[in-house]
Protein backbone atom coordinates (compact mmCIF):
# COMPACT_ATOMS: atom_id res chain seq x y z
CA MET A 1 0.02 0.00 0.02
CA ILE A 2 1.24 3.48 -0.90
CA ASN A 3 1.58 5.85 2.05
CA LEU A 4 0.30 9.26 0.93
CA LYS A 5 1.72 10.96 4.03
CA ASN A 6 5.24 10.03 2.96
CA SER A 7 4.76 10.90 -0.71
CA PRO A 8 4.14 14.65 -1.24
CA ARG A 9 3.64 14.27 -5.02
CA LEU A 10 0.92 11.64 -4.54
CA THR A 11 -0.70 13.73 -1.82
CA TYR A 12 -0.65 16.76 -4.17
CA CYS A 13 -2.25 14.82 -7.02
CA ALA A 14 -4.80 13.22 -4.67
CA ALA A 15 -5.85 16.66 -3.42
CA TRP A 16 -6.62 17.87 -6.94
CA LEU A 17 -8.47 14.62 -7.63
CA VAL A 18 -10.59 15.07 -4.54
CA ALA A 19 -11.40 18.63 -5.48
CA GLY A 20 -12.36 17.60 -9.03
CA THR A 21 -14.49 14.75 -7.71
CA TYR A 22 -16.37 17.17 -5.48
CA ILE A 23 -17.19 19.52 -8.35
CA PHE A 24 -18.24 16.55 -10.52
CA CYS A 25 -20.64 15.27 -7.82
CA ARG A 26 -22.02 18.73 -7.31
CA ASP A 27 -22.84 19.32 -10.95
CA ILE A 28 -23.70 15.81 -12.10
CA PHE A 29 -27.41 16.64 -12.34
CA TYR A 30 -26.89 19.79 -14.40
CA ALA A 31 -24.84 18.55 -17.31
CA PRO A 32 -23.90 15.33 -19.13
CA TRP A 33 -21.26 13.46 -17.21
CA GLN A 34 -18.96 13.20 -20.27
CA ILE A 35 -18.92 16.95 -20.60
CA LEU A 36 -18.33 17.38 -16.87
CA ILE A 37 -15.39 14.96 -16.84
CA LEU A 38 -13.82 16.75 -19.83
CA GLU A 39 -14.40 20.24 -18.41
CA ILE A 40 -13.41 19.54 -14.85
CA GLY A 41 -10.52 17.28 -15.87
CA SER A 42 -9.03 19.86 -18.21
CA HIS A 43 -9.29 22.68 -15.63
CA PHE A 44 -7.88 20.75 -12.67
CA ALA A 45 -5.24 18.94 -14.68
CA VAL A 46 -3.93 22.26 -15.98
CA TRP A 47 -4.09 23.77 -12.51
CA ALA A 48 -2.20 20.79 -11.04
CA GLY A 49 0.54 21.31 -13.62
CA LEU A 50 0.72 25.06 -13.15
CA GLY A 51 0.72 24.58 -9.40
CA LEU A 52 4.18 22.91 -9.69
CA PHE A 53 5.50 26.21 -10.96
CA ALA A 54 3.35 28.42 -8.67
CA ILE A 55 4.15 26.66 -5.37
CA PRO A 56 7.90 27.55 -5.36
CA LEU A 57 6.90 31.20 -5.97
CA MET A 58 4.37 31.06 -3.15
CA ARG A 59 7.07 29.76 -0.80
CA ARG A 60 9.66 32.26 -1.95
CA TYR A 61 7.29 35.21 -1.60
CA PRO A 62 4.93 34.46 1.33
CA LEU A 63 2.30 37.00 2.32
CA ARG A 64 3.49 39.42 4.95
CA LEU A 65 2.35 42.71 6.40
CA HIS A 66 3.77 44.60 3.43
CA TRP A 67 2.28 45.55 0.09
CA GLN A 68 4.94 44.04 -2.12
CA PRO A 69 4.13 40.30 -1.67
CA TRP A 70 0.45 41.08 -2.01
CA LEU A 71 0.94 42.95 -5.30
CA PHE A 72 3.25 40.17 -6.49
CA HIS A 73 0.59 37.48 -5.96
CA ILE A 74 -2.25 39.65 -7.33
CA VAL A 75 -0.37 39.92 -10.60
CA VAL A 76 1.16 36.40 -10.68
CA GLY A 77 -2.12 34.84 -9.58
CA ALA A 78 -3.96 36.59 -12.39
CA ILE A 79 -1.41 35.35 -14.93
CA PHE A 80 -1.56 31.75 -13.72
CA THR A 81 -5.40 31.90 -13.64
CA GLN A 82 -5.67 33.24 -17.19
CA VAL A 83 -3.25 30.63 -18.47
CA ASP A 84 -5.21 27.89 -16.77
CA ILE A 85 -8.66 28.85 -17.97
CA THR A 86 -7.43 29.63 -21.51
CA GLN A 87 -5.63 26.30 -21.81
CA ALA A 88 -8.59 24.40 -20.31
CA HIS A 89 -11.11 26.10 -22.62
CA TRP A 90 -8.90 25.44 -25.62
CA ILE A 91 -8.68 21.74 -24.75
CA LEU A 92 -12.46 21.58 -24.21
CA ALA A 93 -13.28 23.45 -27.39
CA HIS A 94 -10.99 21.39 -29.65
CA THR A 95 -12.01 18.08 -28.10
CA LEU A 96 -15.69 18.83 -28.71
CA ASP A 97 -14.86 20.40 -32.06
CA ALA A 98 -16.91 23.42 -31.00
CA GLY A 99 -14.26 26.07 -31.14
CA SER A 100 -11.90 25.04 -33.90
CA ASN A 101 -12.72 28.23 -35.81
CA LYS A 102 -11.99 30.47 -32.84
CA SER A 103 -8.66 32.15 -32.29
CA LEU A 104 -6.69 31.68 -29.04
CA LEU A 105 -7.50 35.34 -28.23
CA ASP A 106 -11.23 34.68 -28.62
CA ILE A 107 -10.95 31.65 -26.37
CA ALA A 108 -8.98 33.62 -23.76
CA VAL A 109 -11.58 36.49 -23.72
CA SER A 110 -14.44 33.98 -23.45
CA ALA A 111 -12.70 32.12 -20.62
CA PHE A 112 -12.01 35.37 -18.82
CA LYS A 113 -15.69 36.41 -18.95
CA GLY A 114 -16.96 32.97 -17.94
CA CYS A 115 -14.77 31.71 -15.07
CA PHE A 116 -11.80 33.95 -14.29
CA HIS A 117 -13.15 34.91 -10.87
CA LEU A 118 -13.67 31.33 -9.76
CA SER A 119 -10.22 30.15 -10.96
CA TYR A 120 -8.64 33.20 -9.34
CA LEU A 121 -10.02 31.97 -6.01
CA THR A 122 -8.37 28.63 -6.71
CA TYR A 123 -4.94 30.31 -6.86
CA TRP A 124 -5.55 32.16 -3.56
CA GLY A 125 -6.88 28.99 -1.96
CA LEU A 126 -3.74 27.14 -3.01
CA LEU A 127 -1.63 29.98 -1.64
CA GLY A 128 -3.43 29.82 1.68
CA VAL A 129 -2.92 26.03 1.96
CA ILE A 130 0.76 26.25 1.10
CA GLN A 131 1.34 29.13 3.50
CA GLY A 132 -0.51 27.36 6.26
CA LEU A 133 1.48 24.12 5.81
CA ASP A 134 4.71 26.04 5.76
CA ALA A 135 3.73 27.90 8.95
CA GLN A 136 2.93 24.59 10.58
CA LYS A 137 6.25 23.08 9.57
CA LEU A 138 8.09 26.19 10.88
CA ALA A 139 6.26 26.03 14.20
CA GLN A 140 7.11 22.29 14.53
CA ALA A 141 10.77 22.95 13.67
CA ARG A 142 10.92 25.75 16.27
CA GLU A 143 9.27 23.50 18.91
CA LEU A 144 11.82 20.78 18.14
CA GLN A 145 14.65 23.28 18.38
CA VAL A 146 13.42 24.60 21.71
CA ALA A 147 13.04 20.99 23.01
CA GLU A 148 16.58 20.14 21.86
CA HIS A 149 18.00 23.27 23.54
CA LYS A 150 16.04 22.49 26.72
CA THR A 151 17.26 18.88 26.69
CA ALA A 152 20.86 20.02 26.26
CA PHE A 153 20.50 22.50 29.05
CA VAL A 154 18.99 19.94 31.39
CA GLN A 155 21.76 17.41 30.61
CA ALA A 156 24.43 20.03 31.20
CA GLN A 157 22.80 21.07 34.48
CA LEU A 158 22.50 17.46 35.68
CA GLN A 159 26.12 16.78 34.73
CA SER A 160 27.19 19.87 36.67
CA LEU A 161 25.25 18.73 39.76
CA LYS A 162 26.59 15.22 39.50
CA THR A 163 30.15 16.57 39.16
CA GLN A 164 29.62 18.55 42.33
CA LEU A 165 28.17 15.58 44.22
CA GLN A 166 30.79 12.92 43.49
CA PRO A 167 33.82 14.85 44.86
CA HIS A 168 31.70 15.72 47.91
CA PHE A 169 31.26 12.20 49.23
CA LEU A 170 34.66 11.04 47.96
CA PHE A 171 36.33 13.80 49.93
CA ASN A 172 34.53 12.75 53.11
CA THR A 173 35.48 9.11 52.56
CA LEU A 174 39.12 9.90 51.93
CA HIS A 175 39.10 12.10 54.99
CA SER A 176 37.94 9.09 57.05
CA VAL A 177 40.70 6.92 55.58
CA SER A 178 43.31 9.58 56.32
CA SER A 179 42.18 9.82 59.91
CA MET A 180 42.28 6.07 60.41
CA MET A 181 45.85 5.82 59.02
CA HIS A 182 47.24 7.45 62.19
CA TYR A 183 46.13 4.73 64.62
CA ASP A 184 44.83 1.66 62.79
CA VAL A 185 46.59 0.87 59.52
CA PRO A 186 44.92 -2.52 58.89
CA THR A 187 41.50 -0.96 59.27
CA ALA A 188 42.50 1.93 56.99
CA ASP A 189 43.65 -0.65 54.43
CA ARG A 190 40.20 -2.29 54.62
CA MET A 191 38.60 1.07 54.10
CA LEU A 192 40.79 1.68 51.02
CA ASN A 193 39.69 -1.68 49.55
CA ARG A 194 36.06 -0.78 50.13
CA LEU A 195 36.77 2.65 48.54
CA SER A 196 38.06 1.03 45.43
CA GLU A 197 34.84 -0.97 45.21
CA LEU A 198 32.86 2.20 45.75
CA LEU A 199 34.75 3.96 42.95
CA ARG A 200 34.15 1.07 40.58
CA ILE A 201 30.37 1.24 41.17
CA SER A 202 30.52 4.99 40.96
CA LEU A 203 32.19 4.96 37.55
CA ARG A 204 29.65 2.49 36.28
CA GLU A 205 26.72 4.65 37.38
CA THR A 206 28.33 7.86 36.09
CA ALA A 207 27.96 6.58 32.53
CA THR A 208 24.12 6.54 32.68
CA SER A 209 21.39 8.92 33.70
CA ILE A 210 19.08 6.24 35.09
CA VAL A 211 19.77 3.19 37.26
CA SER A 212 17.63 0.62 38.97
CA LEU A 213 16.94 0.91 42.65
CA LYS A 214 18.88 -2.37 43.14
CA GLN A 215 21.95 -0.81 41.52
CA GLU A 216 21.65 2.14 43.84
CA MET A 217 21.38 -0.19 46.81
CA GLU A 218 24.64 -1.89 45.82
CA PHE A 219 26.32 1.53 45.72
CA ILE A 220 24.88 2.45 49.19
CA GLU A 221 25.98 -0.87 50.65
CA ALA A 222 29.54 -0.23 49.47
CA TYR A 223 29.41 3.26 50.99
CA LEU A 224 28.00 1.94 54.25
CA GLU A 225 30.73 -0.67 54.58
CA ILE A 226 33.23 2.16 54.87
CA GLU A 227 31.10 4.03 57.33
CA LYS A 228 30.57 0.94 59.48
CA ILE A 229 34.36 0.48 59.70
CA ARG A 230 34.72 4.10 60.76
CA PHE A 231 31.97 3.91 63.36
CA GLU A 232 32.74 0.35 64.44
CA GLN A 233 29.77 -0.81 66.54
CA ARG A 234 28.04 2.56 66.65
CA LEU A 235 26.15 2.31 63.35
CA ASP A 236 23.25 -0.03 62.58
CA VAL A 237 21.59 -0.10 59.19
CA ALA A 238 18.24 -1.69 58.33
CA TRP A 239 16.81 -2.10 54.87
CA ALA A 240 13.11 -2.13 54.09
CA ILE A 241 12.92 -2.28 50.28
CA PRO A 242 10.64 -4.99 48.81
CA ASP A 243 11.91 -7.05 45.93
CA HIS A 244 9.24 -5.99 43.50
CA LEU A 245 10.42 -2.35 43.70
CA GLN A 246 14.12 -3.01 43.13
CA GLY A 247 13.71 -2.76 39.37
CA SER A 248 12.30 0.76 39.61
CA SER A 249 14.22 3.47 37.74
CA ILE A 250 15.83 6.30 39.73
CA PRO A 251 18.60 8.82 39.13
CA PRO A 252 22.05 7.54 40.21
CA PHE A 253 23.51 8.81 43.49
CA ILE A 254 20.09 9.93 44.65
CA LEU A 255 20.16 8.08 48.04
CA GLN A 256 23.79 8.55 49.06
CA PRO A 257 23.42 12.21 50.22
CA LEU A 258 20.38 11.20 52.36
CA VAL A 259 22.31 8.37 54.00
CA GLU A 260 25.35 10.57 54.52
CA ASN A 261 23.22 13.32 56.09
CA ALA A 262 21.51 10.84 58.44
CA ILE A 263 24.87 9.47 59.58
CA LYS A 264 26.49 12.84 59.94
CA TYR A 265 23.75 14.51 61.92
CA GLY A 266 21.78 11.59 63.37
CA VAL A 267 24.54 9.13 64.36
CA ALA A 268 27.97 10.76 64.50
CA PRO A 269 27.12 13.37 67.28
CA ARG A 270 25.97 10.65 69.69
CA ALA A 271 28.55 8.72 71.72
CA ALA A 272 26.39 5.58 71.64
CA GLY A 273 25.88 5.95 67.87
CA GLY A 274 22.56 5.16 66.36
CA SER A 275 20.70 3.45 63.54
CA ILE A 276 19.25 4.38 60.19
CA VAL A 277 16.52 2.77 58.12
CA ILE A 278 16.49 2.89 54.37
CA ARG A 279 13.10 2.04 52.92
CA ALA A 280 11.10 2.27 49.72
CA TYR A 281 7.41 1.79 49.05
CA ALA A 282 4.85 2.55 46.38
CA GLU A 283 1.93 4.88 46.83
CA ASN A 284 -0.46 5.13 43.91
CA ASP A 285 1.82 5.90 40.93
CA ALA A 286 4.66 7.24 43.03
CA LEU A 287 7.82 5.68 44.46
CA LEU A 288 8.78 6.93 47.87
CA LEU A 289 12.34 6.60 49.12
CA GLU A 290 13.13 7.32 52.80
CA VAL A 291 16.16 7.43 54.99
CA GLU A 292 15.29 7.72 58.68
CA ASP A 293 17.59 8.14 61.68
CA ASP A 294 16.72 7.72 65.33
CA ALA A 295 18.35 10.82 66.80
CA PRO A 296 16.28 12.43 69.58
CA GLU A 297 15.35 16.04 69.44
CA SER A 298 18.19 16.99 71.76
CA THR A 299 20.72 15.91 69.11
CA PRO A 300 22.17 19.01 67.33
CA GLN A 301 20.76 19.13 63.77
CA LYS A 302 22.10 21.14 60.92
CA PRO A 303 19.48 23.65 59.72
CA GLY A 304 18.42 23.57 56.09
CA PHE A 305 20.16 21.67 53.29
CA GLY A 306 23.88 21.12 52.84
CA ILE A 307 25.71 20.62 49.52
CA GLY A 308 24.57 17.01 49.06
CA LEU A 309 20.91 17.57 49.87
CA SER A 310 20.79 20.85 47.92
CA ASN A 311 22.13 19.10 44.87
CA THR A 312 19.67 16.25 45.35
CA ARG A 313 16.77 18.72 45.41
CA SER A 314 18.10 20.53 42.29
CA ARG A 315 18.50 17.31 40.40
CA LEU A 316 15.00 16.19 41.24
CA GLU A 317 13.47 19.53 40.24
CA THR A 318 15.37 19.44 36.92
CA LEU A 319 14.48 15.86 36.13
CA TYR A 320 10.84 15.62 37.28
CA GLY A 321 9.59 19.19 37.77
CA SER A 322 6.42 19.26 39.84
CA ASP A 323 6.09 15.43 39.74
CA GLN A 324 8.55 15.09 42.63
CA ARG A 325 8.89 16.12 46.26
CA PHE A 326 11.83 16.19 48.59
CA GLU A 327 11.36 16.96 52.29
CA LEU A 328 12.89 16.54 55.72
CA ILE A 329 10.36 15.44 58.36
CA ARG A 330 10.79 15.31 62.07
CA ALA A 331 8.98 12.13 63.13
CA GLY A 332 8.99 10.78 66.66
CA MET A 333 12.54 9.98 67.78
CA GLY A 334 14.19 10.71 64.43
CA THR A 335 14.27 12.56 61.19
CA ILE A 336 13.03 11.26 57.83
CA ALA A 337 14.44 12.43 54.50
CA ARG A 338 11.81 11.52 52.00
CA ILE A 339 11.82 11.61 48.14
CA ARG A 340 8.76 11.10 46.07
CA LEU A 341 9.29 10.17 42.39
CA PRO A 342 7.10 8.88 39.51
CA LEU A 343 7.09 5.08 39.65
CA PHE A 344 8.65 3.69 36.48
CA PRO A 345 9.83 0.13 36.11
CA LEU A 346 13.34 -0.08 34.60
CA VAL A 347 14.20 -3.72 34.21
CA LYS A 348 13.19 -7.17 35.30
CA LEU A 349 15.76 -8.33 37.71
CA ALA A 350 17.10 -11.81 37.55
CA ALA A 351 15.99 -14.10 40.32
């Protein structure tokens, strides 16, 4: 089957055929069908041919708020119209053998008196269609260009935020290793080994803009292994993420700042340490990610958002707009950092 949408020439010919068919059906009861086919066919066939020359001129000189293009099309439209009706009447007259004794000038004058005004409207109708289609194409091209620029801007912004975030937690981890080197070299060596694993996962996730929740969990587990070495027995971590949500798609490095913030301000200030809970659950069409610490209200809390949490909020706003929410909630004995995202499955995880 021929696809007319992808074939402009066939679409152009089909449009003239439809117009001719409409006129034929309209006048079928007022004249013999043979005469109608000949008359309508000659007019529209000539117009279809002339249109191939008129359309480039219509596109080169579109109507604007200036008198010159209007004057141009008034004159050129009249010329094309007169050529059409004269040629069509000549074909009709000689086919019916009713005008073989008439000169071309006589045929042109007769055609002008009989149907110039209607054919002139055909030219202006064609001009309107061409200009409308071109305006639509131009609008679509501009929308595409704006979308491409917006996408490039968002990607650059996300890359900038990610570039700020990665050195942030790596600096903190290296600082912990450096401190440990002064009094416990074997433990510092273990931390360096865990850091190499953390960097390996980090480099893998840097190459993509979306990861599964399970991949993010692997990264957080590697990060927490380092933190557990640093805090020894003072840090407990619990996971509450159901298996069916682990294939959900999320931005990479989205949980790490929340975990770091909970440890830094909910666990580290307390001599006895503390615990954090990392959970995920679905609510309607949203995925909720939470990191909760158990620090009492008397524990000093940093007001507002630090670098990590500020970057997290900016990334979420850039990626999801109003479809996301990021908030810190004081709940009972602890603080909950909660992220709400659209729930999108990413992959089916292997059993």
